[in-house]
């Protein structure tokens, strides 16, 4: 399968299922413009397996806040249940 299609497929799944949690507000990664970047990171870390690929990828992406002077690793904005959701997505995605 074409790698571009695989990235887009993973991006679409992540866009709809994984979100940043800020107080009582959920911002889905598709709406935040982070889903594609995360999909690319996850696919590039595929050899590590789904569990490690998810953690490595979430740590690698820095989210700019405010005026973009400061950034926070994406893993710090994601709940434990959302990390598990991403791991399950990758397990299913990497099997295919």
C-alpha atoms as a PDB file:
ATOM      1  CA  UNK A   1       0.000   0.000   0.000  1.00  0.00           C
ATOM      2  CA  UNK A   2       1.177   3.499  -0.787  1.00  0.00           C
ATOM      3  CA  UNK A   3       2.802   5.147   2.263  1.00  0.00           C
ATOM      4  CA  UNK A   4       0.949   8.421   1.607  1.00  0.00           C
ATOM      5  CA  UNK A   5      -2.382   6.596   1.794  1.00  0.00           C
ATOM      6  CA  UNK A   6      -1.326   4.840   5.005  1.00  0.00           C
ATOM      7  CA  UNK A   7      -0.314   8.143   6.603  1.00  0.00           C
ATOM      8  CA  UNK A   8      -3.638   9.688   5.590  1.00  0.00           C
ATOM      9  CA  UNK A   9      -5.563   6.676   6.904  1.00  0.00           C
ATOM     10  CA  UNK A  10      -3.803   6.834  10.272  1.00  0.00           C
ATOM     11  CA  UNK A  11      -4.198  10.611  10.364  1.00  0.00           C
ATOM     12  CA  UNK A  12      -7.954  10.276   9.873  1.00  0.00           C
ATOM     13  CA  UNK A  13      -8.300   7.772  12.702  1.00  0.00           C
ATOM     14  CA  UNK A  14      -6.171   9.859  15.072  1.00  0.00           C
ATOM     15  CA  UNK A  15      -8.087  13.010  14.080  1.00  0.00           C
ATOM     16  CA  UNK A  16     -11.366  11.524  15.230  1.00  0.00           C
ATOM     17  CA  UNK A  17     -10.313   9.560  18.309  1.00  0.00           C
ATOM     18  CA  UNK A  18      -7.408  11.240  20.102  1.00  0.00           C
ATOM     19  CA  UNK A  19      -7.670  14.558  21.903  1.00  0.00           C
ATOM     20  CA  UNK A  20      -5.802  17.019  24.086  1.00  0.00           C
ATOM     21  CA  UNK A  21      -7.396  17.496  27.491  1.00  0.00           C
ATOM     22  CA  UNK A  22      -7.379  21.037  28.941  1.00  0.00           C
ATOM     23  CA  UNK A  23      -9.520  21.339  32.091  1.00  0.00           C
ATOM     24  CA  UNK A  24     -12.952  20.050  30.986  1.00  0.00           C
ATOM     25  CA  UNK A  25     -12.301  20.727  27.318  1.00  0.00           C
ATOM     26  CA  UNK A  26     -11.352  18.126  24.691  1.00  0.00           C
ATOM     27  CA  UNK A  27      -9.554  19.353  21.582  1.00  0.00           C
ATOM     28  CA  UNK A  28      -9.293  16.604  18.992  1.00  0.00           C
ATOM     29  CA  UNK A  29      -5.925  16.394  17.269  1.00  0.00           C
ATOM     30  CA  UNK A  30      -7.538  16.822  13.858  1.00  0.00           C
ATOM     31  CA  UNK A  31      -8.993  20.160  14.956  1.00  0.00           C
ATOM     32  CA  UNK A  32      -5.685  21.156  16.541  1.00  0.00           C
ATOM     33  CA  UNK A  33      -3.761  20.406  13.331  1.00  0.00           C
ATOM     34  CA  UNK A  34      -1.601  17.771  15.056  1.00  0.00           C
ATOM     35  CA  UNK A  35      -2.995  14.500  13.699  1.00  0.00           C
ATOM     36  CA  UNK A  36      -0.824  14.297  10.573  1.00  0.00           C
ATOM     37  CA  UNK A  37       2.366  15.076  12.466  1.00  0.00           C
ATOM     38  CA  UNK A  38       1.519  12.376  15.023  1.00  0.00           C
ATOM     39  CA  UNK A  39       0.652   9.859  12.285  1.00  0.00           C
ATOM     40  CA  UNK A  40       4.021  10.461  10.593  1.00  0.00           C
ATOM     41  CA  UNK A  41       5.885  10.101  13.900  1.00  0.00           C
ATOM     42  CA  UNK A  42       4.033   6.888  14.767  1.00  0.00           C
ATOM     43  CA  UNK A  43       4.720   5.315  11.377  1.00  0.00           C
ATOM     44  CA  UNK A  44       8.395   6.291  11.593  1.00  0.00           C
ATOM     45  CA  UNK A  45       8.577   4.577  15.008  1.00  0.00           C
ATOM     46  CA  UNK A  46       6.658   1.472  13.912  1.00  0.00           C
ATOM     47  CA  UNK A  47       9.644  -0.841  14.503  1.00  0.00           C
ATOM     48  CA  UNK A  48       9.442  -0.060  18.227  1.00  0.00           C
ATOM     49  CA  UNK A  49       6.011  -1.685  18.442  1.00  0.00           C
ATOM     50  CA  UNK A  50       2.695   0.074  19.136  1.00  0.00           C
ATOM     51  CA  UNK A  51       3.258   0.709  22.846  1.00  0.00           C
ATOM     52  CA  UNK A  52       6.657   2.339  22.514  1.00  0.00           C
ATOM     53  CA  UNK A  53       5.863   3.990  19.175  1.00  0.00           C
ATOM     54  CA  UNK A  54       2.962   5.853  20.764  1.00  0.00           C
ATOM     55  CA  UNK A  55       5.013   7.115  23.716  1.00  0.00           C
ATOM     56  CA  UNK A  56       8.070   8.039  21.643  1.00  0.00           C
ATOM     57  CA  UNK A  57       5.898   9.857  19.101  1.00  0.00           C
ATOM     58  CA  UNK A  58       3.906  11.792  21.716  1.00  0.00           C
ATOM     59  CA  UNK A  59       7.150  12.891  23.389  1.00  0.00           C
ATOM     60  CA  UNK A  60       8.686  13.965  20.050  1.00  0.00           C
ATOM     61  CA  UNK A  61       5.935  16.433  19.140  1.00  0.00           C
ATOM     62  CA  UNK A  62       6.063  19.838  20.789  1.00  0.00           C
ATOM     63  CA  UNK A  63       2.870  21.882  20.855  1.00  0.00           C
ATOM     64  CA  UNK A  64       3.353  25.636  20.634  1.00  0.00           C
ATOM     65  CA  UNK A  65       1.367  27.621  23.192  1.00  0.00           C
ATOM     66  CA  UNK A  66       0.524  31.298  23.365  1.00  0.00           C
ATOM     67  CA  UNK A  67       2.596  33.251  20.886  1.00  0.00           C
ATOM     68  CA  UNK A  68       4.612  30.149  20.044  1.00  0.00           C
ATOM     69  CA  UNK A  69       7.547  31.196  22.201  1.00  0.00           C
ATOM     70  CA  UNK A  70       6.962  28.224  24.509  1.00  0.00           C
ATOM     71  CA  UNK A  71       6.019  24.665  23.691  1.00  0.00           C
ATOM     72  CA  UNK A  72       4.837  21.625  25.622  1.00  0.00           C
ATOM     73  CA  UNK A  73       5.440  18.004  24.650  1.00  0.00           C
ATOM     74  CA  UNK A  74       2.196  16.525  23.338  1.00  0.00           C
ATOM     75  CA  UNK A  75       2.420  13.672  25.824  1.00  0.00           C
ATOM     76  CA  UNK A  76       1.913  16.215  28.635  1.00  0.00           C
ATOM     77  CA  UNK A  77      -1.431  17.289  27.154  1.00  0.00           C
ATOM     78  CA  UNK A  78      -2.851  13.797  26.627  1.00  0.00           C
ATOM     79  CA  UNK A  79      -4.577  11.758  29.343  1.00  0.00           C
ATOM     80  CA  UNK A  80      -3.486   8.219  30.159  1.00  0.00           C
ATOM     81  CA  UNK A  81      -6.672   6.882  28.590  1.00  0.00           C
ATOM     82  CA  UNK A  82      -5.870   8.766  25.374  1.00  0.00           C
ATOM     83  CA  UNK A  83      -2.354   7.292  25.299  1.00  0.00           C
ATOM     84  CA  UNK A  84      -3.972   3.861  25.595  1.00  0.00           C
ATOM     85  CA  UNK A  85      -6.427   4.789  22.829  1.00  0.00           C
ATOM     86  CA  UNK A  86      -3.490   5.699  20.570  1.00  0.00           C
ATOM     87  CA  UNK A  87      -1.747   2.424  21.446  1.00  0.00           C
ATOM     88  CA  UNK A  88      -4.879   0.471  20.499  1.00  0.00           C
ATOM     89  CA  UNK A  89      -5.167   2.408  17.236  1.00  0.00           C
ATOM     90  CA  UNK A  90      -1.546   1.600  16.408  1.00  0.00           C
ATOM     91  CA  UNK A  91      -1.925  -2.075  17.324  1.00  0.00           C
ATOM     92  CA  UNK A  92      -4.811  -2.360  14.895  1.00  0.00           C
ATOM     93  CA  UNK A  93      -3.170  -0.197  12.240  1.00  0.00           C
ATOM     94  CA  UNK A  94       0.219  -1.935  12.337  1.00  0.00           C
ATOM     95  CA  UNK A  95      -1.408  -5.393  11.992  1.00  0.00           C
ATOM     96  CA  UNK A  96      -2.709  -4.472   8.528  1.00  0.00           C
END
